[in-house]
């Protein structure tokens, strides 16, 4: 049994805490809201994020960050990308150099264009690089909390660190693979949220399965083009953190990015969508960052570009689709060369 600090008591942090608790670890689930930590401890619930689920007894709520992390053997960071730097700075004085730091967030930072692991390294120091692990894959929190079969990937520059994370999480309901391609795993996990927004928009416009299938397939090509330009292994995008995560996020009612896109397709404006969601929609921020990267590196990403124009310049959803359908002719196999 190990002491694990889970930083972020949203739906995903809570679901992963349940997995760790099922594996008999001592789980400390930190929230920045004291009343949420009290609910977890007094009622064994987290109703806002995981309703109708009773939390295990070995899962405790914390609102004091120092007490949560200072003697933990591993830290699991599950906060929105915009909060990663602030949280890391806050906990840096209390963590040890050899603590395994796992993150399960998916996004890219605008302006700096850094992945989550790079942001963590910036804030905690270069010495933590070999102890950072990425957890990603097709995994809705709602299903994980219900202990339904789920398979994910953990990735690190240090395979031993990835194997530590694999051992912490692996059980009969939650299967974990390792992958040494940190860049590919993070890029796939982040960019699939952009395509999920597009899939939701397509459904909101009333288009059928043909359109969504094309969007997912062409979206995967865009992800692979950017990823391989950043030295990712193209085979990663054919795995769980690529096509696997893309399918589940683009086709499920559980996906908040799909739901946000669906509302946009039905005519809602972005701010109203975000207000009604009540939770972070990572695809919006990631679209901005990815568009910036594509322009900087001169990478053809028409879906990302169209969604950027829709989100930040109020381009009509149908006009985005029309422009994509009327692009110049190209050869499919040449366009999929990123996988070769």
Protein backbone atom coordinates (compact mmCIF):
# COMPACT_ATOMS: atom_id res chain seq x y z
CA UNK A 1 0.00 0.00 0.00
CA UNK A 2 1.31 3.45 -0.96
CA UNK A 3 0.30 6.99 -0.06
CA UNK A 4 -0.96 8.74 -3.19
CA UNK A 5 -1.88 12.42 -3.41
CA UNK A 6 -4.45 13.14 -6.12
CA UNK A 7 -4.46 16.85 -6.91
CA UNK A 8 -7.80 17.86 -8.41
CA UNK A 9 -11.19 16.60 -7.23
CA UNK A 10 -13.13 16.93 -10.47
CA UNK A 11 -14.74 13.99 -12.24
CA UNK A 12 -11.51 12.54 -13.65
CA UNK A 13 -9.48 13.02 -10.47
CA UNK A 14 -12.22 11.38 -8.43
CA UNK A 15 -12.57 8.45 -10.84
CA UNK A 16 -8.83 7.77 -10.82
CA UNK A 17 -8.85 8.06 -7.03
CA UNK A 18 -11.41 5.25 -6.94
CA UNK A 19 -9.11 3.06 -9.05
CA UNK A 20 -6.19 3.72 -6.69
CA UNK A 21 -8.34 3.11 -3.62
CA UNK A 22 -9.60 -0.17 -5.08
CA UNK A 23 -5.94 -1.17 -5.27
CA UNK A 24 -5.72 -0.61 -1.50
CA UNK A 25 -3.60 2.54 -1.62
CA UNK A 26 -4.07 5.38 0.86
CA UNK A 27 -5.58 8.05 -1.40
CA UNK A 28 -5.57 11.76 -0.54
CA UNK A 29 -7.90 13.63 -2.87
CA UNK A 30 -7.14 17.35 -2.75
CA UNK A 31 -9.67 20.06 -3.57
CA UNK A 32 -9.16 23.82 -3.45
CA UNK A 33 -12.63 24.01 -1.87
CA UNK A 34 -12.82 23.01 1.80
CA UNK A 35 -16.52 22.18 1.59
CA UNK A 36 -15.85 19.64 -1.16
CA UNK A 37 -13.18 17.92 0.95
CA UNK A 38 -15.64 17.84 3.85
CA UNK A 39 -18.30 16.22 1.67
CA UNK A 40 -15.84 13.54 0.61
CA UNK A 41 -14.91 12.78 4.22
CA UNK A 42 -18.30 13.08 5.89
CA UNK A 43 -20.58 11.63 3.22
CA UNK A 44 -18.20 9.66 0.97
CA UNK A 45 -19.64 11.42 -2.07
CA UNK A 46 -18.60 14.01 -4.67
CA UNK A 47 -22.06 14.71 -6.04
CA UNK A 48 -21.24 17.60 -8.35
CA UNK A 49 -18.77 15.57 -10.41
CA UNK A 50 -19.54 11.88 -9.78
CA UNK A 51 -23.18 11.60 -8.66
CA UNK A 52 -24.64 8.37 -7.26
CA UNK A 53 -21.21 6.90 -6.45
CA UNK A 54 -20.11 5.99 -2.92
CA UNK A 55 -16.40 6.62 -2.41
CA UNK A 56 -14.14 4.01 -0.74
CA UNK A 57 -13.19 4.44 2.92
CA UNK A 58 -9.47 4.64 2.13
CA UNK A 59 -10.10 7.75 0.00
CA UNK A 60 -9.83 10.91 2.10
CA UNK A 61 -10.54 14.51 1.13
CA UNK A 62 -7.95 17.23 1.73
CA UNK A 63 -8.07 20.99 1.29
CA UNK A 64 -4.54 21.60 2.63
CA UNK A 65 -2.09 21.02 -0.23
CA UNK A 66 0.95 20.59 2.03
CA UNK A 67 -0.70 17.85 4.08
CA UNK A 68 -1.82 16.09 0.92
CA UNK A 69 1.57 15.89 -0.82
CA UNK A 70 4.46 16.23 1.63
CA UNK A 71 4.97 12.53 2.48
CA UNK A 72 3.10 10.99 -0.45
CA UNK A 73 5.02 8.39 -2.46
CA UNK A 74 3.38 9.49 -5.72
CA UNK A 75 1.43 12.51 -6.89
CA UNK A 76 -1.34 12.38 -9.47
CA UNK A 77 -2.04 15.79 -11.03
CA UNK A 78 -5.55 16.08 -12.51
CA UNK A 79 -6.29 19.79 -12.85
CA UNK A 80 -7.25 21.91 -15.89
CA UNK A 81 -4.25 22.90 -18.02
CA UNK A 82 -4.66 26.57 -17.09
CA UNK A 83 -4.13 25.64 -13.41
CA UNK A 84 -1.10 23.36 -13.84
CA UNK A 85 1.57 25.99 -13.30
CA UNK A 86 -0.07 27.60 -10.28
CA UNK A 87 -0.69 24.26 -8.55
CA UNK A 88 2.85 23.04 -9.25
CA UNK A 89 4.33 26.25 -7.84
CA UNK A 90 2.17 25.88 -4.73
CA UNK A 91 3.21 22.30 -4.02
CA UNK A 92 6.88 22.59 -5.00
CA UNK A 93 8.11 23.40 -1.45
CA UNK A 94 6.51 20.24 -0.07
CA UNK A 95 7.53 17.51 -2.53
CA UNK A 96 10.63 15.33 -2.64
CA UNK A 97 12.90 15.06 -5.67
CA UNK A 98 12.22 11.35 -6.15
CA UNK A 99 8.43 11.44 -5.96
CA UNK A 100 6.72 10.02 -9.03
CA UNK A 101 4.53 12.74 -10.55
CA UNK A 102 1.78 11.42 -12.82
CA UNK A 103 -0.47 13.77 -14.77
CA UNK A 104 -3.79 12.91 -16.39
CA UNK A 105 -4.59 16.31 -17.91
CA UNK A 106 -4.90 16.85 -21.67
CA UNK A 107 -4.00 20.09 -23.34
CA UNK A 108 -1.37 22.44 -24.76
CA UNK A 109 -0.54 25.87 -23.37
CA UNK A 110 -1.23 28.80 -25.73
CA UNK A 111 1.66 31.17 -26.45
CA UNK A 112 4.36 28.86 -25.00
CA UNK A 113 3.00 25.84 -26.94
CA UNK A 114 4.20 23.54 -24.17
CA UNK A 115 2.77 20.17 -23.29
CA UNK A 116 1.66 19.41 -19.70
CA UNK A 117 4.83 17.48 -18.81
CA UNK A 118 6.94 20.42 -20.00
CA UNK A 119 4.90 22.82 -17.85
CA UNK A 120 5.38 20.57 -14.82
CA UNK A 121 9.12 20.41 -15.46
CA UNK A 122 9.26 24.20 -15.76
CA UNK A 123 7.65 24.67 -12.36
CA UNK A 124 9.13 21.76 -10.36
CA UNK A 125 12.63 21.79 -11.88
CA UNK A 126 14.63 19.84 -14.44
CA UNK A 127 15.42 17.12 -11.91
CA UNK A 128 11.82 15.83 -12.00
CA UNK A 129 11.91 15.00 -15.73
CA UNK A 130 12.74 11.33 -15.13
CA UNK A 131 9.93 11.05 -12.59
CA UNK A 132 7.09 12.53 -14.70
CA UNK A 133 4.54 10.10 -16.14
CA UNK A 134 1.65 10.82 -18.53
CA UNK A 135 -1.61 8.86 -18.17
CA UNK A 136 -3.88 9.02 -21.21
CA UNK A 137 -6.28 6.99 -23.33
CA UNK A 138 -9.98 6.41 -24.05
CA UNK A 139 -11.43 6.78 -20.57
CA UNK A 140 -14.60 8.58 -19.53
CA UNK A 141 -14.60 9.34 -15.81
CA UNK A 142 -18.22 8.26 -15.47
CA UNK A 143 -17.44 4.74 -16.69
CA UNK A 144 -14.20 4.41 -14.71
CA UNK A 145 -16.03 5.38 -11.51
CA UNK A 146 -18.55 2.61 -12.21
CA UNK A 147 -15.61 0.21 -12.59
CA UNK A 148 -16.45 -0.57 -16.20
CA UNK A 149 -13.61 -2.06 -18.29
CA UNK A 150 -11.15 0.65 -19.36
CA UNK A 151 -7.70 0.57 -20.95
CA UNK A 152 -5.16 3.40 -20.86
CA UNK A 153 -1.48 4.10 -21.50
CA UNK A 154 1.21 5.53 -19.23
CA UNK A 155 4.28 7.16 -20.75
CA UNK A 156 7.57 8.51 -19.42
CA UNK A 157 11.10 9.22 -20.59
CA UNK A 158 12.06 6.77 -17.84
CA UNK A 159 10.40 3.40 -18.39
CA UNK A 160 10.83 2.53 -14.71
CA UNK A 161 8.69 5.52 -13.75
CA UNK A 162 6.02 4.40 -16.24
CA UNK A 163 6.09 0.91 -14.74
CA UNK A 164 5.62 2.36 -11.24
CA UNK A 165 2.48 4.12 -12.49
CA UNK A 166 1.35 0.96 -14.28
CA UNK A 167 1.61 -1.00 -11.01
CA UNK A 168 -0.28 1.67 -9.05
CA UNK A 169 -3.32 1.63 -11.36
CA UNK A 170 -3.53 -1.83 -12.93
CA UNK A 171 -6.45 -4.00 -11.83
CA UNK A 172 -9.19 -6.20 -13.28
CA UNK A 173 -11.22 -3.18 -14.43
CA UNK A 174 -8.43 -0.80 -15.39
CA UNK A 175 -5.79 -2.16 -17.75
CA UNK A 176 -2.62 -0.11 -18.24
CA UNK A 177 -0.05 -0.29 -21.05
CA UNK A 178 3.32 1.49 -21.14
CA UNK A 179 4.63 3.61 -24.02
CA UNK A 180 7.94 5.51 -24.16
CA UNK A 181 6.63 8.11 -26.67
CA UNK A 182 5.78 10.96 -24.29
CA UNK A 183 5.34 13.49 -27.09
CA UNK A 184 2.94 11.31 -29.07
CA UNK A 185 0.87 10.34 -26.03
CA UNK A 186 0.45 13.97 -24.95
CA UNK A 187 -0.21 15.31 -28.45
CA UNK A 188 -2.83 12.62 -29.16
CA UNK A 189 -4.58 13.24 -25.84
CA UNK A 190 -4.65 16.99 -26.32
CA UNK A 191 -5.61 17.31 -29.98
CA UNK A 192 -8.42 14.77 -29.90
CA UNK A 193 -10.40 17.38 -27.95
CA UNK A 194 -10.24 19.70 -30.97
CA UNK A 195 -11.68 17.03 -33.24
CA UNK A 196 -14.34 16.20 -30.62
CA UNK A 197 -15.51 19.81 -30.75
CA UNK A 198 -15.80 19.43 -34.50
CA UNK A 199 -17.72 16.16 -34.18
CA UNK A 200 -20.17 17.81 -31.81
CA UNK A 201 -20.62 20.72 -34.20
CA UNK A 202 -21.31 18.30 -37.05
CA UNK A 203 -23.97 16.53 -34.98
CA UNK A 204 -25.41 19.87 -33.85
CA UNK A 205 -25.79 20.91 -37.48
CA UNK A 206 -27.76 17.72 -38.10
CA UNK A 207 -25.18 16.02 -40.30
CA UNK A 208 -24.98 12.23 -40.24
CA UNK A 209 -22.48 9.48 -39.60
CA UNK A 210 -20.76 10.00 -42.97
CA UNK A 211 -19.70 13.50 -42.01
CA UNK A 212 -18.55 12.53 -38.54
CA UNK A 213 -16.58 9.54 -39.80
CA UNK A 214 -14.78 11.77 -42.30
CA UNK A 215 -14.09 14.35 -39.61
CA UNK A 216 -12.59 11.78 -37.25
CA UNK A 217 -10.43 10.23 -39.98
CA UNK A 218 -9.17 13.52 -41.36
CA UNK A 219 -8.72 14.78 -37.81
CA UNK A 220 -6.44 11.84 -37.06
CA UNK A 221 -4.36 12.78 -40.11
CA UNK A 222 -3.97 16.32 -38.74
CA UNK A 223 -2.95 15.04 -35.31
CA UNK A 224 -0.35 12.75 -36.87
CA UNK A 225 1.04 15.53 -39.08
CA UNK A 226 1.66 17.78 -36.12
CA UNK A 227 2.83 14.99 -33.84
CA UNK A 228 5.44 13.61 -36.22
CA UNK A 229 6.69 17.14 -36.88
CA UNK A 230 7.34 17.30 -33.14
CA UNK A 231 9.21 13.95 -33.27
CA UNK A 232 6.42 11.71 -32.01
CA UNK A 233 6.29 8.07 -33.09
CA UNK A 234 3.53 7.89 -35.76
CA UNK A 235 2.47 4.45 -34.49
CA UNK A 236 1.35 6.05 -31.23
CA UNK A 237 -1.52 7.70 -33.10
CA UNK A 238 -2.81 4.28 -34.16
CA UNK A 239 -3.01 3.25 -30.50
CA UNK A 240 -5.06 3.97 -27.40
CA UNK A 241 -3.93 7.58 -27.00
CA UNK A 242 -4.52 8.32 -30.68
CA UNK A 243 -7.38 6.69 -32.54
CA UNK A 244 -8.71 5.07 -29.34
CA UNK A 245 -9.15 8.33 -27.47
CA UNK A 246 -10.35 10.05 -30.63
CA UNK A 247 -13.20 7.59 -31.14
CA UNK A 248 -14.48 7.70 -27.58
CA UNK A 249 -14.31 11.50 -27.32
CA UNK A 250 -15.98 12.15 -30.67
CA UNK A 251 -18.87 9.73 -30.26
CA UNK A 252 -19.97 9.76 -26.63
CA UNK A 253 -22.50 11.77 -24.65
CA UNK A 254 -20.00 11.75 -21.77
CA UNK A 255 -17.55 13.93 -23.72
CA UNK A 256 -17.77 17.54 -22.59
CA UNK A 257 -15.91 18.63 -25.75
CA UNK A 258 -18.50 16.86 -27.92
CA UNK A 259 -21.32 18.41 -25.87
CA UNK A 260 -19.80 21.88 -26.21
CA UNK A 261 -19.43 21.43 -29.96
CA UNK A 262 -22.98 20.16 -30.24
CA UNK A 263 -24.29 23.35 -28.65
CA UNK A 264 -22.13 25.46 -30.96
CA UNK A 265 -23.55 23.60 -33.94
CA UNK A 266 -27.06 24.39 -32.72
CA UNK A 267 -26.30 28.10 -32.70
CA UNK A 268 -25.16 28.90 -29.18
CA UNK A 269 -22.32 31.40 -28.79
CA UNK A 270 -19.11 30.21 -27.17
CA UNK A 271 -19.41 32.07 -23.86
CA UNK A 272 -22.96 30.80 -23.31
CA UNK A 273 -21.74 27.26 -23.99
CA UNK A 274 -18.91 27.55 -21.47
CA UNK A 275 -21.24 29.07 -18.87
CA UNK A 276 -23.77 26.25 -19.26
CA UNK A 277 -21.15 23.49 -19.21
CA UNK A 278 -19.94 24.46 -15.75
CA UNK A 279 -16.71 22.54 -16.33
CA UNK A 280 -13.54 23.24 -18.30
CA UNK A 281 -13.72 22.48 -22.03
CA UNK A 282 -10.06 21.83 -22.79
CA UNK A 283 -10.60 21.70 -26.55
CA UNK A 284 -11.19 25.46 -26.75
CA UNK A 285 -7.82 26.41 -25.25
CA UNK A 286 -6.05 23.62 -27.13
CA UNK A 287 -7.51 24.79 -30.45
CA UNK A 288 -5.90 28.19 -29.94
CA UNK A 289 -2.51 26.71 -29.02
CA UNK A 290 -2.55 24.18 -31.85
CA UNK A 291 -3.53 26.79 -34.43
CA UNK A 292 -0.59 28.90 -33.29
CA UNK A 293 1.78 25.94 -33.62
CA UNK A 294 0.47 25.05 -37.08
CA UNK A 295 1.05 28.60 -38.27
CA UNK A 296 4.52 28.74 -36.76
CA UNK A 297 5.61 25.40 -38.26
CA UNK A 298 3.62 25.77 -41.51
CA UNK A 299 1.63 22.56 -40.99
CA UNK A 300 -1.59 22.07 -42.95
CA UNK A 301 -4.38 21.63 -40.37
CA UNK A 302 -7.62 22.77 -42.03
CA UNK A 303 -9.99 21.35 -39.39
CA UNK A 304 -8.09 23.05 -36.59
CA UNK A 305 -7.95 26.28 -38.57
CA UNK A 306 -11.69 26.18 -39.24
CA UNK A 307 -12.50 25.58 -35.59
CA UNK A 308 -10.15 28.38 -34.56
CA UNK A 309 -12.03 30.78 -36.84
CA UNK A 310 -15.35 29.56 -35.40
CA UNK A 311 -14.29 29.81 -31.75
CA UNK A 312 -12.31 33.03 -31.81
CA UNK A 313 -13.60 34.93 -34.84
CA UNK A 314 -17.28 33.88 -34.77
CA UNK A 315 -17.26 32.15 -38.15
CA UNK A 316 -20.56 30.38 -38.84
CA UNK A 317 -20.39 26.59 -38.25
CA UNK A 318 -21.95 25.78 -41.62
CA UNK A 319 -19.47 28.06 -43.37
CA UNK A 320 -16.61 26.16 -41.71
CA UNK A 321 -17.99 22.87 -43.05
CA UNK A 322 -18.59 24.31 -46.52
CA UNK A 323 -15.02 25.59 -46.71
CA UNK A 324 -13.63 22.21 -45.66
CA UNK A 325 -15.73 20.40 -48.29
CA UNK A 326 -14.60 22.78 -51.03
CA UNK A 327 -10.87 22.61 -50.44
CA UNK A 328 -8.61 21.80 -53.38
CA UNK A 329 -8.08 18.23 -54.56
CA UNK A 330 -5.44 16.06 -52.88
CA UNK A 331 -4.35 12.41 -52.71
CA UNK A 332 -5.36 10.53 -49.59
CA UNK A 333 -2.29 8.32 -49.28
CA UNK A 334 0.07 11.26 -49.72
CA UNK A 335 -1.89 13.10 -47.07
CA UNK A 336 -1.50 10.12 -44.69
CA UNK A 337 2.25 9.95 -45.14
CA UNK A 338 2.72 10.86 -41.47
CA UNK A 339 1.93 7.25 -40.60
CA UNK A 340 4.70 5.85 -42.81
